[in-house]
Amino acid sequence: MWWFYRKGPSGFSGASTAEEVTAGVDGQALVAVITGASSGIGVETARVLALRGVHVVMPVRNVAAGLAVRESIVAKVPGARIDVLEMDLSSMASVRRFASEFESLNLPLNILM
């Protein structure tokens, strides 16, 4: 497994963390919509993007879980800009409601995950 730690042309390896990869990135002017941000890798993605100044919008099925994640991130990243909006990807009506709510925020969409 030595190859996992071997750095490639980018200077990163399979063992590099999201914080290492995004070091020096200024995301103040960016807005990211991150589906799946209420659990797993989505939480870490939201945390690191918020750490870099990105305004994070979390569309979640379970709003209570999303708000708990938001509070956890804000505790670690004071000043983080995070919005939690309800959306269930299995329901087109819910997706349309989310899209309408997102549009009403008057934010650009720079990153969609």
PDB file of N, CA and C in Angstrom:
ATOM      1  N   MET A   1       0.807  -1.191   0.000  1.00  0.00           N
ATOM      2  CA  MET A   1       0.000   0.000   0.000  1.00  0.00           C
ATOM      3  C   MET A   1       0.852   1.258   0.000  1.00  0.00           C
ATOM      4  N   TRP A   2       2.127   1.139  -0.277  1.00  0.00           N
ATOM      5  CA  TRP A   2       3.010   2.303  -0.322  1.00  0.00           C
ATOM      6  C   TRP A   2       2.534   3.315  -1.353  1.00  0.00           C
ATOM      7  N   TRP A   3       1.907   2.827  -2.438  1.00  0.00           N
ATOM      8  CA  TRP A   3       1.466   3.712  -3.511  1.00  0.00           C
ATOM      9  C   TRP A   3       0.355   4.658  -3.046  1.00  0.00           C
ATOM     10  N   PHE A   4      -0.366   4.280  -2.001  1.00  0.00           N
ATOM     11  CA  PHE A   4      -1.442   5.120  -1.474  1.00  0.00           C
ATOM     12  C   PHE A   4      -0.887   6.440  -0.937  1.00  0.00           C
ATOM     13  N   TYR A   5       0.333   6.389  -0.420  1.00  0.00           N
ATOM     14  CA  TYR A   5       0.953   7.577   0.178  1.00  0.00           C
ATOM     15  C   TYR A   5       1.889   8.298  -0.784  1.00  0.00           C
ATOM     16  N   ARG A   6       2.099   7.718  -1.942  1.00  0.00           N
ATOM     17  CA  ARG A   6       2.999   8.321  -2.926  1.00  0.00           C
ATOM     18  C   ARG A   6       2.312   9.521  -3.575  1.00  0.00           C
ATOM     19  N   LYS A   7       2.987  10.658  -3.543  1.00  0.00           N
ATOM     20  CA  LYS A   7       2.401  11.882  -4.091  1.00  0.00           C
ATOM     21  C   LYS A   7       2.497  11.892  -5.607  1.00  0.00           C
ATOM     22  N   GLY A   8       1.421  12.349  -6.231  1.00  0.00           N
ATOM     23  CA  GLY A   8       1.376  12.465  -7.678  1.00  0.00           C
ATOM     24  C   GLY A   8       1.823  13.842  -8.127  1.00  0.00           C
ATOM     25  N   PRO A   9       1.631  14.156  -9.411  1.00  0.00           N
ATOM     26  CA  PRO A   9       2.051  15.443  -9.968  1.00  0.00           C
ATOM     27  C   PRO A   9       1.406  16.647  -9.267  1.00  0.00           C
ATOM     28  N   SER A  10       0.232  16.447  -8.688  1.00  0.00           N
ATOM     29  CA  SER A  10      -0.459  17.546  -8.005  1.00  0.00           C
ATOM     30  C   SER A  10       0.164  17.860  -6.654  1.00  0.00           C
ATOM     31  N   GLY A  11       0.989  16.931  -6.156  1.00  0.00           N
ATOM     32  CA  GLY A  11       1.567  17.103  -4.836  1.00  0.00           C
ATOM     33  C   GLY A  11       0.734  16.442  -3.747  1.00  0.00           C
ATOM     34  N   PHE A  12      -0.353  15.789  -4.147  1.00  0.00           N
ATOM     35  CA  PHE A  12      -1.229  15.122  -3.189  1.00  0.00           C
ATOM     36  C   PHE A  12      -1.217  13.619  -3.434  1.00  0.00           C
ATOM     37  N   SER A  13      -1.660  12.885  -2.413  1.00  0.00           N
ATOM     38  CA  SER A  13      -1.748  11.429  -2.530  1.00  0.00           C
ATOM     39  C   SER A  13      -3.135  10.984  -2.092  1.00  0.00           C
ATOM     40  N   GLY A  14      -3.356   9.682  -2.125  1.00  0.00           N
ATOM     41  CA  GLY A  14      -4.620   9.131  -1.659  1.00  0.00           C
ATOM     42  C   GLY A  14      -4.828   9.366  -0.179  1.00  0.00           C
ATOM     43  N   ALA A  15      -3.768   9.685   0.534  1.00  0.00           N
ATOM     44  CA  ALA A  15      -3.858   9.933   1.975  1.00  0.00           C
ATOM     45  C   ALA A  15      -4.057  11.416   2.296  1.00  0.00           C
ATOM     46  N   SER A  16      -4.053  12.267   1.275  1.00  0.00           N
ATOM     47  CA  SER A  16      -4.238  13.706   1.507  1.00  0.00           C
ATOM     48  C   SER A  16      -5.650  13.977   2.019  1.00  0.00           C
ATOM     49  N   THR A  17      -5.770  14.931   2.924  1.00  0.00           N
ATOM     50  CA  THR A  17      -7.081  15.290   3.468  1.00  0.00           C
ATOM     51  C   THR A  17      -7.701  16.424   2.649  1.00  0.00           C
ATOM     52  N   ALA A  18      -8.997  16.597   2.817  1.00  0.00           N
ATOM     53  CA  ALA A  18      -9.696  17.685   2.130  1.00  0.00           C
ATOM     54  C   ALA A  18      -9.139  19.040   2.555  1.00  0.00           C
ATOM     55  N   GLU A  19      -8.760  19.153   3.825  1.00  0.00           N
ATOM     56  CA  GLU A  19      -8.184  20.417   4.295  1.00  0.00           C
ATOM     57  C   GLU A  19      -6.850  20.696   3.615  1.00  0.00           C
ATOM     58  N   GLU A  20      -6.031  19.664   3.422  1.00  0.00           N
ATOM     59  CA  GLU A  20      -4.742  19.848   2.739  1.00  0.00           C
ATOM     60  C   GLU A  20      -4.958  20.254   1.287  1.00  0.00           C
ATOM     61  N   VAL A  21      -5.893  19.596   0.619  1.00  0.00           N
ATOM     62  CA  VAL A  21      -6.133  19.859  -0.802  1.00  0.00           C
ATOM     63  C   VAL A  21      -6.688  21.263  -1.023  1.00  0.00           C
ATOM     64  N   THR A  22      -7.498  21.759  -0.085  1.00  0.00           N
ATOM     65  CA  THR A  22      -8.114  23.080  -0.264  1.00  0.00           C
ATOM     66  C   THR A  22      -7.360  24.212   0.423  1.00  0.00           C
ATOM     67  N   ALA A  23      -6.231  23.915   1.043  1.00  0.00           N
ATOM     68  CA  ALA A  23      -5.446  24.965   1.710  1.00  0.00           C
ATOM     69  C   ALA A  23      -5.144  26.080   0.711  1.00  0.00           C
ATOM     70  N   GLY A  24      -5.372  27.304   1.115  1.00  0.00           N
ATOM     71  CA  GLY A  24      -5.092  28.443   0.245  1.00  0.00           C
ATOM     72  C   GLY A  24      -6.245  28.813  -0.671  1.00  0.00           C
ATOM     73  N   VAL A  25      -7.321  28.040  -0.664  1.00  0.00           N
ATOM     74  CA  VAL A  25      -8.479  28.342  -1.506  1.00  0.00           C
ATOM     75  C   VAL A  25      -9.353  29.376  -0.801  1.00  0.00           C
ATOM     76  N   ASP A  26      -9.721  30.435  -1.521  1.00  0.00           N
ATOM     77  CA  ASP A  26     -10.635  31.439  -0.978  1.00  0.00           C
ATOM     78  C   ASP A  26     -11.976  31.275  -1.678  1.00  0.00           C
ATOM     79  N   GLY A  27     -12.941  30.746  -0.966  1.00  0.00           N
ATOM     80  CA  GLY A  27     -14.247  30.494  -1.557  1.00  0.00           C
ATOM     81  C   GLY A  27     -15.301  31.517  -1.191  1.00  0.00           C
ATOM     82  N   GLN A  28     -14.886  32.679  -0.703  1.00  0.00           N
ATOM     83  CA  GLN A  28     -15.833  33.703  -0.238  1.00  0.00           C
ATOM     84  C   GLN A  28     -16.899  34.064  -1.276  1.00  0.00           C
ATOM     85  N   ALA A  29     -16.561  34.032  -2.549  1.00  0.00           N
ATOM     86  CA  ALA A  29     -17.502  34.444  -3.588  1.00  0.00           C
ATOM     87  C   ALA A  29     -18.300  33.275  -4.160  1.00  0.00           C
ATOM     88  N   LEU A  30     -18.164  32.091  -3.574  1.00  0.00           N
ATOM     89  CA  LEU A  30     -18.797  30.899  -4.136  1.00  0.00           C
ATOM     90  C   LEU A  30     -19.983  30.425  -3.305  1.00  0.00           C
ATOM     91  N   VAL A  31     -20.935  29.809  -4.001  1.00  0.00           N
ATOM     92  CA  VAL A  31     -22.083  29.167  -3.357  1.00  0.00           C
ATOM     93  C   VAL A  31     -22.120  27.722  -3.836  1.00  0.00           C
ATOM     94  N   ALA A  32     -22.226  26.795  -2.875  1.00  0.00           N
ATOM     95  CA  ALA A  32     -22.275  25.368  -3.202  1.00  0.00           C
ATOM     96  C   ALA A  32     -23.557  24.754  -2.670  1.00  0.00           C
ATOM     97  N   VAL A  33     -24.245  24.003  -3.519  1.00  0.00           N
ATOM     98  CA  VAL A  33     -25.386  23.198  -3.098  1.00  0.00           C
ATOM     99  C   VAL A  33     -24.866  21.774  -2.986  1.00  0.00           C
ATOM    100  N   ILE A  34     -24.952  21.208  -1.777  1.00  0.00           N
ATOM    101  CA  ILE A  34     -24.391  19.879  -1.526  1.00  0.00           C
ATOM    102  C   ILE A  34     -25.506  18.931  -1.108  1.00  0.00           C
ATOM    103  N   THR A  35     -25.919  18.053  -2.021  1.00  0.00           N
ATOM    104  CA  THR A  35     -26.906  17.040  -1.651  1.00  0.00           C
ATOM    105  C   THR A  35     -26.198  15.989  -0.807  1.00  0.00           C
ATOM    106  N   GLY A  36     -26.911  15.413   0.124  1.00  0.00           N
ATOM    107  CA  GLY A  36     -26.305  14.403   0.995  1.00  0.00           C
ATOM    108  C   GLY A  36     -25.435  14.987   2.087  1.00  0.00           C
ATOM    109  N   ALA A  37     -25.603  16.265   2.378  1.00  0.00           N
ATOM    110  CA  ALA A  37     -24.724  16.928   3.347  1.00  0.00           C
ATOM    111  C   ALA A  37     -25.125  16.681   4.798  1.00  0.00           C
ATOM    112  N   SER A  38     -26.165  15.887   5.019  1.00  0.00           N
ATOM    113  CA  SER A  38     -26.576  15.639   6.404  1.00  0.00           C
ATOM    114  C   SER A  38     -25.951  14.372   6.977  1.00  0.00           C
ATOM    115  N   SER A  39     -25.134  13.673   6.177  1.00  0.00           N
ATOM    116  CA  SER A  39     -24.464  12.475   6.703  1.00  0.00           C
ATOM    117  C   SER A  39     -23.236  12.135   5.856  1.00  0.00           C
ATOM    118  N   GLY A  40     -22.375  11.331   6.444  1.00  0.00           N
ATOM    119  CA  GLY A  40     -21.224  10.786   5.730  1.00  0.00           C
ATOM    120  C   GLY A  40     -20.290  11.805   5.123  1.00  0.00           C
ATOM    121  N   ILE A  41     -19.838  11.501   3.912  1.00  0.00           N
ATOM    122  CA  ILE A  41     -18.859  12.351   3.235  1.00  0.00           C
ATOM    123  C   ILE A  41     -19.438  13.735   2.918  1.00  0.00           C
ATOM    124  N   GLY A  42     -20.768  13.826   2.814  1.00  0.00           N
ATOM    125  CA  GLY A  42     -21.399  15.119   2.576  1.00  0.00           C
ATOM    126  C   GLY A  42     -21.170  16.099   3.712  1.00  0.00           C
ATOM    127  N   VAL A  43     -21.160  15.586   4.947  1.00  0.00           N
ATOM    128  CA  VAL A  43     -20.900  16.442   6.115  1.00  0.00           C
ATOM    129  C   VAL A  43     -19.489  17.006   6.035  1.00  0.00           C
ATOM    130  N   GLU A  44     -18.531  16.148   5.731  1.00  0.00           N
ATOM    131  CA  GLU A  44     -17.134  16.594   5.645  1.00  0.00           C
ATOM    132  C   GLU A  44     -16.948  17.572   4.493  1.00  0.00           C
ATOM    133  N   THR A  45     -17.611  17.325   3.377  1.00  0.00           N
ATOM    134  CA  THR A  45     -17.538  18.240   2.238  1.00  0.00           C
ATOM    135  C   THR A  45     -18.084  19.612   2.630  1.00  0.00           C
ATOM    136  N   ALA A  46     -19.235  19.629   3.283  1.00  0.00           N
ATOM    137  CA  ALA A  46     -19.832  20.899   3.722  1.00  0.00           C
ATOM    138  C   ALA A  46     -18.915  21.614   4.707  1.00  0.00           C
ATOM    139  N   ARG A  47     -18.332  20.867   5.637  1.00  0.00           N
ATOM    140  CA  ARG A  47     -17.450  21.472   6.647  1.00  0.00           C
ATOM    141  C   ARG A  47     -16.237  22.129   6.003  1.00  0.00           C
ATOM    142  N   VAL A  48     -15.581  21.413   5.103  1.00  0.00           N
ATOM    143  CA  VAL A  48     -14.353  21.945   4.500  1.00  0.00           C
ATOM    144  C   VAL A  48     -14.665  23.115   3.566  1.00  0.00           C
ATOM    145  N   LEU A  49     -15.748  23.033   2.807  1.00  0.00           N
ATOM    146  CA  LEU A  49     -16.104  24.174   1.958  1.00  0.00           C
ATOM    147  C   LEU A  49     -16.448  25.392   2.814  1.00  0.00           C
ATOM    148  N   ALA A  50     -17.179  25.181   3.909  1.00  0.00           N
ATOM    149  CA  ALA A  50     -17.484  26.294   4.824  1.00  0.00           C
ATOM    150  C   ALA A  50     -16.200  26.860   5.421  1.00  0.00           C
ATOM    151  N   LEU A  51     -15.267  25.985   5.753  1.00  0.00           N
ATOM    152  CA  LEU A  51     -13.970  26.413   6.288  1.00  0.00           C
ATOM    153  C   LEU A  51     -13.248  27.330   5.307  1.00  0.00           C
ATOM    154  N   ARG A  52     -13.422  27.083   4.022  1.00  0.00           N
ATOM    155  CA  ARG A  52     -12.766  27.889   2.982  1.00  0.00           C
ATOM    156  C   ARG A  52     -13.599  29.096   2.565  1.00  0.00           C
ATOM    157  N   GLY A  53     -14.708  29.342   3.278  1.00  0.00           N
ATOM    158  CA  GLY A  53     -15.491  30.549   3.028  1.00  0.00           C
ATOM    159  C   GLY A  53     -16.650  30.397   2.068  1.00  0.00           C
ATOM    160  N   VAL A  54     -16.861  29.204   1.542  1.00  0.00           N
ATOM    161  CA  VAL A  54     -17.954  28.978   0.596  1.00  0.00           C
ATOM    162  C   VAL A  54     -19.295  29.058   1.336  1.00  0.00           C
ATOM    163  N   HIS A  55     -20.279  29.694   0.718  1.00  0.00           N
ATOM    164  CA  HIS A  55     -21.644  29.703   1.255  1.00  0.00           C
ATOM    165  C   HIS A  55     -22.251  28.354   0.874  1.00  0.00           C
ATOM    166  N   VAL A  56     -22.585  27.550   1.872  1.00  0.00           N
ATOM    167  CA  VAL A  56     -23.073  26.187   1.648  1.00  0.00           C
ATOM    168  C   VAL A  56     -24.590  26.139   1.805  1.00  0.00           C
ATOM    169  N   VAL A  57     -25.253  25.541   0.821  1.00  0.00           N
ATOM    170  CA  VAL A  57     -26.690  25.285   0.900  1.00  0.00           C
ATOM    171  C   VAL A  57     -26.854  23.772   0.963  1.00  0.00           C
ATOM    172  N   MET A  58     -27.529  23.315   2.026  1.00  0.00           N
ATOM    173  CA  MET A  58     -27.718  21.884   2.251  1.00  0.00           C
ATOM    174  C   MET A  58     -29.178  21.501   1.997  1.00  0.00           C
ATOM    175  N   PRO A  59     -29.482  20.890   0.845  1.00  0.00           N
ATOM    176  CA  PRO A  59     -30.833  20.364   0.655  1.00  0.00           C
ATOM    177  C   PRO A  59     -30.910  18.995   1.340  1.00  0.00           C
ATOM    178  N   VAL A  60     -31.818  18.858   2.296  1.00  0.00           N
ATOM    179  CA  VAL A  60     -31.879  17.625   3.093  1.00  0.00           C
ATOM    180  C   VAL A  60     -33.312  17.110   3.195  1.00  0.00           C
ATOM    181  N   ARG A  61     -33.441  15.795   3.312  1.00  0.00           N
ATOM    182  CA  ARG A  61     -34.754  15.176   3.546  1.00  0.00           C
ATOM    183  C   ARG A  61     -35.205  15.433   4.974  1.00  0.00           C
ATOM    184  N   ASN A  62     -34.270  15.273   5.909  1.00  0.00           N
ATOM    185  CA  ASN A  62     -34.564  15.419   7.334  1.00  0.00           C
ATOM    186  C   ASN A  62     -33.987  16.756   7.811  1.00  0.00           C
ATOM    187  N   VAL A  63     -34.853  17.751   7.941  1.00  0.00           N
ATOM    188  CA  VAL A  63     -34.403  19.100   8.298  1.00  0.00           C
ATOM    189  C   VAL A  63     -33.750  19.124   9.678  1.00  0.00           C
ATOM    190  N   ALA A  64     -34.283  18.361  10.622  1.00  0.00           N
ATOM    191  CA  ALA A  64     -33.703  18.331  11.973  1.00  0.00           C
ATOM    192  C   ALA A  64     -32.261  17.836  11.920  1.00  0.00           C
ATOM    193  N   ALA A  65     -32.010  16.793  11.138  1.00  0.00           N
ATOM    194  CA  ALA A  65     -30.641  16.275  10.994  1.00  0.00           C
ATOM    195  C   ALA A  65     -29.757  17.314  10.317  1.00  0.00           C
ATOM    196  N   GLY A  66     -30.288  17.991   9.300  1.00  0.00           N
ATOM    197  CA  GLY A  66     -29.528  19.030   8.617  1.00  0.00           C
ATOM    198  C   GLY A  66     -29.164  20.180   9.537  1.00  0.00           C
ATOM    199  N   LEU A  67     -30.107  20.585  10.375  1.00  0.00           N
ATOM    200  CA  LEU A  67     -29.835  21.674  11.319  1.00  0.00           C
ATOM    201  C   LEU A  67     -28.790  21.261  12.352  1.00  0.00           C
ATOM    202  N   ALA A  68     -28.817  19.995  12.762  1.00  0.00           N
ATOM    203  CA  ALA A  68     -27.808  19.500  13.712  1.00  0.00           C
ATOM    204  C   ALA A  68     -26.421  19.536  13.080  1.00  0.00           C
ATOM    205  N   VAL A  69     -26.325  19.140  11.814  1.00  0.00           N
ATOM    206  CA  VAL A  69     -25.040  19.190  11.105  1.00  0.00           C
ATOM    207  C   VAL A  69     -24.585  20.638  10.986  1.00  0.00           C
ATOM    208  N   ARG A  70     -25.507  21.517  10.627  1.00  0.00           N
ATOM    209  CA  ARG A  70     -25.167  22.946  10.507  1.00  0.00           C
ATOM    210  C   ARG A  70     -24.602  23.482  11.822  1.00  0.00           C
ATOM    211  N   GLU A  71     -25.257  23.189  12.929  1.00  0.00           N
ATOM    212  CA  GLU A  71     -24.780  23.663  14.231  1.00  0.00           C
ATOM    213  C   GLU A  71     -23.402  23.103  14.553  1.00  0.00           C
ATOM    214  N   SER A  72     -23.181  21.845  14.216  1.00  0.00           N
ATOM    215  CA  SER A  72     -21.880  21.218  14.457  1.00  0.00           C
ATOM    216  C   SER A  72     -20.777  21.903  13.639  1.00  0.00           C
ATOM    217  N   ILE A  73     -21.088  22.247  12.391  1.00  0.00           N
ATOM    218  CA  ILE A  73     -20.098  22.919  11.535  1.00  0.00           C
ATOM    219  C   ILE A  73     -19.842  24.337  12.043  1.00  0.00           C
ATOM    220  N   VAL A  74     -20.909  25.064  12.383  1.00  0.00           N
ATOM    221  CA  VAL A  74     -20.761  26.443  12.863  1.00  0.00           C
ATOM    222  C   VAL A  74     -19.955  26.477  14.163  1.00  0.00           C
ATOM    223  N   ALA A  75     -20.080  25.447  14.989  1.00  0.00           N
ATOM    224  CA  ALA A  75     -19.292  25.382  16.226  1.00  0.00           C
ATOM    225  C   ALA A  75     -17.802  25.270  15.917  1.00  0.00           C
ATOM    226  N   LYS A  76     -17.462  24.582  14.819  1.00  0.00           N
ATOM    227  CA  LYS A  76     -16.059  24.401  14.429  1.00  0.00           C
ATOM    228  C   LYS A  76     -15.564  25.521  13.521  1.00  0.00           C
ATOM    229  N   VAL A  77     -16.489  26.114  12.756  1.00  0.00           N
ATOM    230  CA  VAL A  77     -16.143  27.158  11.783  1.00  0.00           C
ATOM    231  C   VAL A  77     -17.032  28.377  12.054  1.00  0.00           C
ATOM    232  N   PRO A  78     -16.677  29.181  13.069  1.00  0.00           N
ATOM    233  CA  PRO A  78     -17.491  30.365  13.368  1.00  0.00           C
ATOM    234  C   PRO A  78     -17.596  31.263  12.131  1.00  0.00           C
ATOM    235  N   GLY A  79     -18.783  31.761  11.892  1.00  0.00           N
ATOM    236  CA  GLY A  79     -18.983  32.620  10.724  1.00  0.00           C
ATOM    237  C   GLY A  79     -19.333  31.856   9.462  1.00  0.00           C
ATOM    238  N   ALA A  80     -19.441  30.540   9.557  1.00  0.00           N
ATOM    239  CA  ALA A  80     -19.799  29.737   8.380  1.00  0.00           C
ATOM    240  C   ALA A  80     -21.180  30.152   7.888  1.00  0.00           C
ATOM    241  N   ARG A  81     -21.307  30.246   6.576  1.00  0.00           N
ATOM    242  CA  ARG A  81     -22.593  30.598   5.960  1.00  0.00           C
ATOM    243  C   ARG A  81     -23.224  29.309   5.443  1.00  0.00           C
ATOM    244  N   ILE A  82     -24.236  28.835   6.149  1.00  0.00           N
ATOM    245  CA  ILE A  82     -24.872  27.563   5.798  1.00  0.00           C
ATOM    246  C   ILE A  82     -26.382  27.713   5.878  1.00  0.00           C
ATOM    247  N   ASP A  83     -27.062  27.360   4.789  1.00  0.00           N
ATOM    248  CA  ASP A  83     -28.524  27.328   4.763  1.00  0.00           C
ATOM    249  C   ASP A  83     -28.961  25.877   4.645  1.00  0.00           C
ATOM    250  N   VAL A  84     -29.991  25.518   5.380  1.00  0.00           N
ATOM    251  CA  VAL A  84     -30.563  24.173   5.320  1.00  0.00           C
ATOM    252  C   VAL A  84     -31.969  24.300   4.742  1.00  0.00           C
ATOM    253  N   LEU A  85     -32.202  23.622   3.616  1.00  0.00           N
ATOM    254  CA  LEU A  85     -33.510  23.651   2.965  1.00  0.00           C
ATOM    255  C   LEU A  85     -33.997  22.219   2.764  1.00  0.00           C
ATOM    256  N   GLU A  86     -35.293  22.022   2.883  1.00  0.00           N
ATOM    257  CA  GLU A  86     -35.854  20.682   2.725  1.00  0.00           C
ATOM    258  C   GLU A  86     -35.916  20.281   1.256  1.00  0.00           C
ATOM    259  N   MET A  87     -35.502  19.040   0.973  1.00  0.00           N
ATOM    260  CA  MET A  87     -35.631  18.479  -0.368  1.00  0.00           C
ATOM    261  C   MET A  87     -35.510  16.965  -0.292  1.00  0.00           C
ATOM    262  N   ASP A  88     -36.441  16.283  -0.944  1.00  0.00           N
ATOM    263  CA  ASP A  88     -36.404  14.828  -1.055  1.00  0.00           C
ATOM    264  C   ASP A  88     -36.209  14.506  -2.533  1.00  0.00           C
ATOM    265  N   LEU A  89     -35.054  13.970  -2.879  1.00  0.00           N
ATOM    266  CA  LEU A  89     -34.735  13.698  -4.282  1.00  0.00           C
ATOM    267  C   LEU A  89     -35.672  12.681  -4.929  1.00  0.00           C
ATOM    268  N   SER A  90     -36.416  11.923  -4.138  1.00  0.00           N
ATOM    269  CA  SER A  90     -37.340  10.941  -4.714  1.00  0.00           C
ATOM    270  C   SER A  90     -38.678  11.579  -5.097  1.00  0.00           C
ATOM    271  N   SER A  91     -38.835  12.870  -4.822  1.00  0.00           N
ATOM    272  CA  SER A  91     -40.084  13.569  -5.127  1.00  0.00           C
ATOM    273  C   SER A  91     -39.802  14.797  -5.988  1.00  0.00           C
ATOM    274  N   MET A  92     -40.295  14.773  -7.230  1.00  0.00           N
ATOM    275  CA  MET A  92     -40.083  15.928  -8.110  1.00  0.00           C
ATOM    276  C   MET A  92     -40.750  17.182  -7.544  1.00  0.00           C
ATOM    277  N   ALA A  93     -41.873  17.026  -6.855  1.00  0.00           N
ATOM    278  CA  ALA A  93     -42.532  18.188  -6.244  1.00  0.00           C
ATOM    279  C   ALA A  93     -41.615  18.814  -5.197  1.00  0.00           C
ATOM    280  N   SER A  94     -40.941  17.973  -4.422  1.00  0.00           N
ATOM    281  CA  SER A  94     -40.010  18.468  -3.405  1.00  0.00           C
ATOM    282  C   SER A  94     -38.808  19.149  -4.053  1.00  0.00           C
ATOM    283  N   VAL A  95     -38.310  18.573  -5.134  1.00  0.00           N
ATOM    284  CA  VAL A  95     -37.171  19.164  -5.850  1.00  0.00           C
ATOM    285  C   VAL A  95     -37.568  20.530  -6.410  1.00  0.00           C
ATOM    286  N   ARG A  96     -38.777  20.620  -6.950  1.00  0.00           N
ATOM    287  CA  ARG A  96     -39.255  21.909  -7.484  1.00  0.00           C
ATOM    288  C   ARG A  96     -39.402  22.955  -6.372  1.00  0.00           C
ATOM    289  N   ARG A  97     -39.919  22.521  -5.207  1.00  0.00           N
ATOM    290  CA  ARG A  97     -40.038  23.453  -4.068  1.00  0.00           C
ATOM    291  C   ARG A  97     -38.661  23.957  -3.652  1.00  0.00           C
ATOM    292  N   PHE A  98     -37.694  23.021  -3.598  1.00  0.00           N
ATOM    293  CA  PHE A  98     -36.330  23.419  -3.242  1.00  0.00           C
ATOM    294  C   PHE A  98     -35.801  24.435  -4.255  1.00  0.00           C
ATOM    295  N   ALA A  99     -35.979  24.144  -5.542  1.00  0.00           N
ATOM    296  CA  ALA A  99     -35.474  25.042  -6.588  1.00  0.00           C
ATOM    297  C   ALA A  99     -36.083  26.432  -6.445  1.00  0.00           C
ATOM    298  N   SER A 100     -37.368  26.485  -6.160  1.00  0.00           N
ATOM    299  CA  SER A 100     -38.042  27.769  -5.979  1.00  0.00           C
ATOM    300  C   SER A 100     -37.502  28.501  -4.750  1.00  0.00           C
ATOM    301  N   GLU A 101     -37.316  27.754  -3.665  1.00  0.00           N
ATOM    302  CA  GLU A 101     -36.782  28.350  -2.437  1.00  0.00           C
ATOM    303  C   GLU A 101     -35.346  28.839  -2.652  1.00  0.00           C
ATOM    304  N   PHE A 102     -34.551  28.044  -3.369  1.00  0.00           N
ATOM    305  CA  PHE A 102     -33.170  28.444  -3.647  1.00  0.00           C
ATOM    306  C   PHE A 102     -33.156  29.715  -4.497  1.00  0.00           C
ATOM    307  N   GLU A 103     -34.001  29.763  -5.518  1.00  0.00           N
ATOM    308  CA  GLU A 103     -34.072  30.963  -6.361  1.00  0.00           C
ATOM    309  C   GLU A 103     -34.418  32.198  -5.538  1.00  0.00           C
ATOM    310  N   SER A 104     -35.288  32.030  -4.540  1.00  0.00           N
ATOM    311  CA  SER A 104     -35.705  33.175  -3.722  1.00  0.00           C
ATOM    312  C   SER A 104     -34.571  33.706  -2.845  1.00  0.00           C
ATOM    313  N   LEU A 105     -33.519  32.910  -2.661  1.00  0.00           N
ATOM    314  CA  LEU A 105     -32.362  33.375  -1.893  1.00  0.00           C
ATOM    315  C   LEU A 105     -31.503  34.354  -2.693  1.00  0.00           C
ATOM    316  N   ASN A 106     -31.732  34.419  -4.013  1.00  0.00           N
ATOM    317  CA  ASN A 106     -30.967  35.299  -4.904  1.00  0.00           C
ATOM    318  C   ASN A 106     -29.465  35.063  -4.807  1.00  0.00           C
ATOM    319  N   LEU A 107     -29.091  33.792  -4.758  1.00  0.00           N
ATOM    320  CA  LEU A 107     -27.675  33.422  -4.722  1.00  0.00           C
ATOM    321  C   LEU A 107     -27.282  32.807  -6.056  1.00  0.00           C
ATOM    322  N   PRO A 108     -26.029  32.983  -6.468  1.00  0.00           N
ATOM    323  CA  PRO A 108     -25.572  32.270  -7.660  1.00  0.00           C
ATOM    324  C   PRO A 108     -25.393  30.789  -7.311  1.00  0.00           C
ATOM    325  N   LEU A 109     -25.304  29.954  -8.313  1.00  0.00           N
ATOM    326  CA  LEU A 109     -24.993  28.540  -8.091  1.00  0.00           C
ATOM    327  C   LEU A 109     -23.663  28.264  -8.773  1.00  0.00           C
ATOM    328  N   ASN A 110     -22.599  28.143  -7.971  1.00  0.00           N
ATOM    329  CA  ASN A 110     -21.265  27.916  -8.510  1.00  0.00           C
ATOM    330  C   ASN A 110     -20.856  26.452  -8.474  1.00  0.00           C
ATOM    331  N   ILE A 111     -21.293  25.745  -7.436  1.00  0.00           N
ATOM    332  CA  ILE A 111     -20.895  24.349  -7.250  1.00  0.00           C
ATOM    333  C   ILE A 111     -22.143  23.544  -6.912  1.00  0.00           C
ATOM    334  N   LEU A 112     -22.353  22.432  -7.635  1.00  0.00           N
ATOM    335  CA  LEU A 112     -23.470  21.534  -7.357  1.00  0.00           C
ATOM    336  C   LEU A 112     -22.913  20.143  -7.150  1.00  0.00           C
ATOM    337  N   MET A 113     -23.152  19.605  -5.969  1.00  0.00           N
ATOM    338  CA  MET A 113     -22.643  18.263  -5.641  1.00  0.00           C
ATOM    339  C   MET A 113     -23.787  17.395  -5.176  1.00  0.00           C
TER     340      MET A 113
END
